[in-house]
Structure formats: C-alpha cells, structure tokens
C-alpha cells in the first residue's frame, strides 16, 4: 500500500536580489533568486507587536527561468508556487553543504518598479493547457454574447437602478 504525500509551497514576498539566470552545459535555463516573506503578530506576554522575516532560495527551470530572468527585479512583490527541495554538495575544500530551495513551476509578478500588475507566468506544460482552454472559453463567450444580443431586448434609454450599496461584501 502506498501512502500519498504532498510537497507544495505557495509564497508571496519581495525579491531580495536580482535573479541570476544561467544555462546548464546542455542549454537548459536555470534562474535563482531570493524571496523574503514576513509576518507580524502581537505577543501574548507583553502585548507588543512582533515581526519576523524569512528568506527563501527560489529556483526556476526552463522557459519559466528565462521569463523570471527577464521580468523580475530586486524588490518586486511576487507569488511563486512549487515544491521544497534539499540539495547536498561538497565544496572544493571538502566541506559538506546543504541548501533548502523552493523549485517553482508557477510565478506571478504582483508588482514592479513601474507599479503595474503583470500576468501569471507558468511552466510550459501548464501554459499550453491553459492557452488551449482559454481559446475555447473565448470562442464560447463570443458565441454566448452573440446569442444574448439576439435574445435580450434593447436597454437603450432605460434608467438602471444602482444596487452596489446592497452588495454585502
């Protein structure tokens, strides 16, 4: 009997440094950058506000790595999604090292220096699937809109009641 497990990470934070885009000997892009997340709370003992910042090493591969290298800059607020990975290696001096990384397969730029909000950027496979489904959804929406135009009576010149204050959220 196999036991299922889950390794899923979702972070929203600010880049601590500009992304470092490199290429493996066989030409695969790999991009690494730091992401800082923070949280704050009020201490039960003293009632003082506490704050903690955590720093995460983030790695992207392939097309997503190239996009991260182009779009991301130090300070940008970014959403990343992926998995945790531990990696061990030996230095040239023979010392053993270990690093914990977040290997991402999805990234969304939430803000940048220009202050605009950018689109969601994903790995190639997910992007292809979504692209196909968005194309079909767009066609369905256009067909629906044309059907509604045929069915719905014209509302030109009619006064429409503003009910925005009645919405509970």
Protein backbone atom coordinates (compact mmCIF):
# COMPACT_ATOMS: atom_id res chain seq x y z
CA UNK A 1 0.00 0.00 0.00
CA UNK A 2 1.42 3.36 -0.97
CA UNK A 3 0.96 6.36 1.23
CA UNK A 4 0.36 9.65 -0.55
CA UNK A 5 2.39 12.67 0.32
CA UNK A 6 2.35 16.32 -0.64
CA UNK A 7 5.17 18.78 -1.25
CA UNK A 8 3.54 22.07 -2.21
CA UNK A 9 4.76 25.60 -1.43
CA UNK A 10 3.00 28.90 -2.12
CA UNK A 11 4.77 32.14 -1.19
CA UNK A 12 4.10 35.83 -1.65
CA UNK A 13 7.04 38.06 -0.91
CA UNK A 14 9.59 40.53 -2.22
CA UNK A 15 12.70 39.65 -4.18
CA UNK A 16 15.84 40.18 -2.09
CA UNK A 17 18.17 40.30 -5.09
CA UNK A 18 18.03 40.43 -8.87
CA UNK A 19 17.54 36.99 -10.46
CA UNK A 20 20.64 35.10 -11.57
CA UNK A 21 19.95 33.48 -14.96
CA UNK A 22 22.40 30.76 -16.03
CA UNK A 23 22.42 27.89 -18.51
CA UNK A 24 23.46 24.27 -17.98
CA UNK A 25 26.02 22.74 -20.37
CA UNK A 26 23.16 21.23 -22.41
CA UNK A 27 21.46 24.66 -22.73
CA UNK A 28 18.70 24.40 -20.10
CA UNK A 29 17.98 27.73 -18.40
CA UNK A 30 18.07 27.91 -14.60
CA UNK A 31 17.24 31.06 -12.64
CA UNK A 32 17.73 31.59 -8.92
CA UNK A 33 16.68 34.44 -6.67
CA UNK A 34 15.85 35.20 -3.06
CA UNK A 35 12.37 35.87 -1.73
CA UNK A 36 11.59 37.45 1.66
CA UNK A 37 8.30 36.78 3.41
CA UNK A 38 7.26 38.45 6.65
CA UNK A 39 4.62 38.03 9.29
CA UNK A 40 3.63 40.06 12.31
CA UNK A 41 1.74 39.24 15.47
CA UNK A 42 1.04 40.63 18.92
CA UNK A 43 2.81 38.91 21.80
CA UNK A 44 0.51 37.42 24.44
CA UNK A 45 3.01 38.19 27.22
CA UNK A 46 3.86 41.84 26.63
CA UNK A 47 1.23 42.85 24.08
CA UNK A 48 3.97 44.21 21.85
CA UNK A 49 3.86 43.84 18.12
CA UNK A 50 6.38 41.26 16.87
CA UNK A 51 7.64 40.77 13.32
CA UNK A 52 9.65 38.02 11.64
CA UNK A 53 11.17 37.87 8.16
CA UNK A 54 12.01 34.56 6.48
CA UNK A 55 14.30 34.28 3.48
CA UNK A 56 13.76 31.63 0.80
CA UNK A 57 16.02 30.44 -2.01
CA UNK A 58 13.94 30.08 -5.19
CA UNK A 59 14.90 28.20 -8.37
CA UNK A 60 13.12 28.08 -11.74
CA UNK A 61 14.00 25.88 -14.73
CA UNK A 62 13.43 26.02 -18.49
CA UNK A 63 11.20 28.65 -20.08
CA UNK A 64 9.96 29.83 -16.68
CA UNK A 65 13.59 30.52 -15.70
CA UNK A 66 14.09 32.69 -18.78
CA UNK A 67 10.89 34.63 -18.04
CA UNK A 68 11.90 35.15 -14.39
CA UNK A 69 15.29 36.42 -15.55
CA UNK A 70 13.62 38.95 -17.84
CA UNK A 71 10.70 40.17 -15.72
CA UNK A 72 11.84 40.07 -12.09
CA UNK A 73 13.92 42.68 -10.28
CA UNK A 74 15.02 43.21 -6.70
CA UNK A 75 12.11 44.49 -4.60
CA UNK A 76 9.31 43.14 -6.82
CA UNK A 77 6.34 41.61 -4.99
CA UNK A 78 5.92 38.13 -6.44
CA UNK A 79 3.82 35.00 -5.96
CA UNK A 80 5.62 31.69 -6.51
CA UNK A 81 4.33 28.14 -6.34
CA UNK A 82 6.32 24.94 -6.36
CA UNK A 83 7.96 22.35 -4.10
CA UNK A 84 10.66 22.25 -1.43
CA UNK A 85 13.90 20.53 -2.34
CA UNK A 86 17.01 19.87 -0.27
CA UNK A 87 20.32 19.68 -2.09
CA UNK A 88 23.67 18.42 -0.74
CA UNK A 89 27.15 19.01 -2.20
CA UNK A 90 30.81 19.19 -1.23
CA UNK A 91 32.88 22.34 -1.58
CA UNK A 92 36.32 22.36 -3.20
CA UNK A 93 37.80 22.25 0.31
CA UNK A 94 35.78 19.08 1.05
CA UNK A 95 33.23 20.63 3.41
CA UNK A 96 29.70 19.28 3.11
CA UNK A 97 26.96 21.81 2.40
CA UNK A 98 23.17 21.58 2.34
CA UNK A 99 20.64 24.06 0.97
CA UNK A 100 16.85 24.12 1.03
CA UNK A 101 15.26 25.58 -2.11
CA UNK A 102 11.79 26.21 -3.48
CA UNK A 103 11.74 24.81 -7.02
CA UNK A 104 8.90 26.69 -8.73
CA UNK A 105 6.59 25.73 -11.58
CA UNK A 106 4.40 28.84 -11.38
CA UNK A 107 5.17 32.52 -10.86
CA UNK A 108 3.01 35.64 -10.82
CA UNK A 109 4.51 39.12 -10.77
CA UNK A 110 2.29 41.13 -8.43
CA UNK A 111 4.05 44.47 -8.72
CA UNK A 112 7.19 46.03 -10.07
CA UNK A 113 9.06 49.31 -10.01
CA UNK A 114 6.59 50.71 -12.54
CA UNK A 115 3.70 49.85 -10.22
CA UNK A 116 1.75 47.83 -12.79
CA UNK A 117 0.35 44.35 -12.26
CA UNK A 118 1.54 41.66 -14.64
CA UNK A 119 0.07 38.36 -15.79
CA UNK A 120 0.51 34.91 -14.36
CA UNK A 121 3.55 33.05 -15.71
CA UNK A 122 3.70 29.28 -15.54
CA UNK A 123 5.72 26.34 -16.74
CA UNK A 124 5.37 25.40 -20.43
CA UNK A 125 3.04 22.41 -19.95
CA UNK A 126 0.55 24.29 -17.75
CA UNK A 127 0.66 27.33 -20.04
CA UNK A 128 -0.10 25.21 -23.13
CA UNK A 129 -3.09 23.57 -21.41
CA UNK A 130 -4.46 26.90 -20.19
CA UNK A 131 -3.89 28.54 -23.57
CA UNK A 132 -5.99 25.88 -25.28
CA UNK A 133 -8.75 26.10 -22.68
CA UNK A 134 -8.72 29.94 -22.80
CA UNK A 135 -9.07 29.86 -26.59
CA UNK A 136 -12.07 27.53 -26.31
CA UNK A 137 -13.55 29.66 -23.49
CA UNK A 138 -13.13 32.81 -25.60
CA UNK A 139 -14.97 31.18 -28.53
CA UNK A 140 -17.74 30.01 -26.19
CA UNK A 141 -18.00 33.52 -24.71
CA UNK A 142 -18.25 35.12 -28.15
CA UNK A 143 -20.99 32.64 -29.17
CA UNK A 144 -22.84 33.33 -25.91
CA UNK A 145 -22.56 37.11 -26.37
CA UNK A 146 -23.99 36.90 -29.89
CA UNK A 147 -26.89 34.73 -28.64
CA UNK A 148 -27.62 37.19 -25.82
CA UNK A 149 -27.65 40.11 -28.25
CA UNK A 150 -30.28 38.30 -30.31
CA UNK A 151 -32.46 37.40 -27.31
CA UNK A 152 -32.12 40.39 -24.97
CA UNK A 153 -34.29 43.45 -25.64
CA UNK A 154 -32.57 46.78 -26.11
CA UNK A 155 -31.99 48.70 -22.89
CA UNK A 156 -31.06 52.00 -24.52
CA UNK A 157 -32.69 54.97 -22.81
CA UNK A 158 -33.79 52.91 -19.78
CA UNK A 159 -32.75 54.03 -16.31
CA UNK A 160 -30.80 51.39 -14.39
CA UNK A 161 -31.02 51.25 -10.59
CA UNK A 162 -27.65 51.35 -8.75
CA UNK A 163 -27.61 48.41 -6.31
CA UNK A 164 -23.90 48.49 -5.45
CA UNK A 165 -24.66 49.55 -1.85
CA UNK A 166 -26.81 46.43 -1.41
CA UNK A 167 -23.91 44.03 -2.00
CA UNK A 168 -22.84 42.55 1.38
CA UNK A 169 -19.10 42.49 0.64
